[in-house]
Protein backbone atom coordinates (compact mmCIF):
# COMPACT_ATOMS: atom_id res chain seq x y z
CA MET A 1 46.18 -101.89 15.39
CA GLN A 2 43.11 -99.56 16.68
CA GLN A 3 43.66 -99.82 19.95
CA TYR A 4 40.19 -99.67 21.29
CA ARG A 5 37.61 -101.04 19.33
CA PRO A 6 35.21 -99.21 18.44
CA PRO A 7 36.80 -95.70 19.67
CA PRO A 8 35.68 -94.11 23.02
CA THR A 9 33.34 -91.46 22.73
CA PRO A 10 32.99 -87.78 25.93
CA PRO A 11 31.17 -89.20 28.37
CA GLY A 12 27.16 -88.81 28.37
CA GLN A 13 27.42 -90.33 24.51
CA PRO A 14 26.36 -93.84 23.66
CA ASN A 15 28.27 -96.43 21.72
CA ASP A 16 27.78 -99.43 19.70
CA CYS A 17 28.75 -102.66 20.96
CA LEU A 18 31.44 -104.00 19.15
CA GLY A 19 29.75 -107.92 18.69
CA CYS A 20 25.76 -107.23 18.19
CA GLY A 21 25.84 -103.43 17.46
CA THR A 22 23.36 -102.25 20.35
CA GLU A 23 23.89 -99.08 21.04
CA ILE A 24 25.39 -99.04 24.86
CA ASP A 25 24.75 -95.36 26.29
CA GLY A 26 25.35 -96.89 30.51
CA ASP A 27 21.54 -96.85 31.95
CA ALA A 28 19.54 -98.91 29.58
CA VAL A 29 22.40 -101.42 28.11
CA GLU A 30 25.29 -101.88 30.15
CA GLY A 31 29.10 -101.98 28.61
CA VAL A 32 32.43 -103.46 29.75
CA TRP A 33 35.36 -103.25 27.98
CA VAL A 34 36.99 -106.71 27.27
CA GLU A 35 40.90 -106.88 27.45
CA ARG A 36 42.52 -109.20 24.95
CA ASP A 37 46.37 -110.01 24.81
CA HIS A 38 48.45 -110.62 21.52
CA TRP A 39 51.59 -112.20 21.28
CA GLN A 40 53.82 -109.88 19.99
CA ALA A 41 51.34 -106.71 19.71
CA PRO A 42 49.79 -103.99 21.44
CA THR A 43 46.51 -105.58 24.03
CA THR A 44 43.47 -104.09 22.26
CA TYR A 45 40.45 -103.33 24.53
CA GLU A 46 36.64 -104.65 23.24
CA LEU A 47 33.50 -103.06 23.60
CA HIS A 48 30.23 -105.91 24.70
CA CYS A 49 26.95 -105.23 25.86
CA LEU A 50 26.47 -107.49 28.85
CA SER A 51 24.15 -109.33 26.81
CA CYS A 52 27.40 -110.57 24.45
CA VAL A 53 29.34 -111.66 27.08
CA SER A 54 27.48 -113.54 29.08
CA SER A 55 26.51 -115.59 25.71
CA LYS A 56 30.38 -116.38 25.69
């Protein structure tokens, strides 16, 4: 099981939102890593833009 989805990128390089695919660059579009606890499995972290997090 992959712990970070999508895999983290080096500082300064954009990454894509897992929910909608929007490019998160930290300036125009900000994102957050959402922690997901799984029973009998490692915790995973999913990157979502703020508009996806606020809509859920």
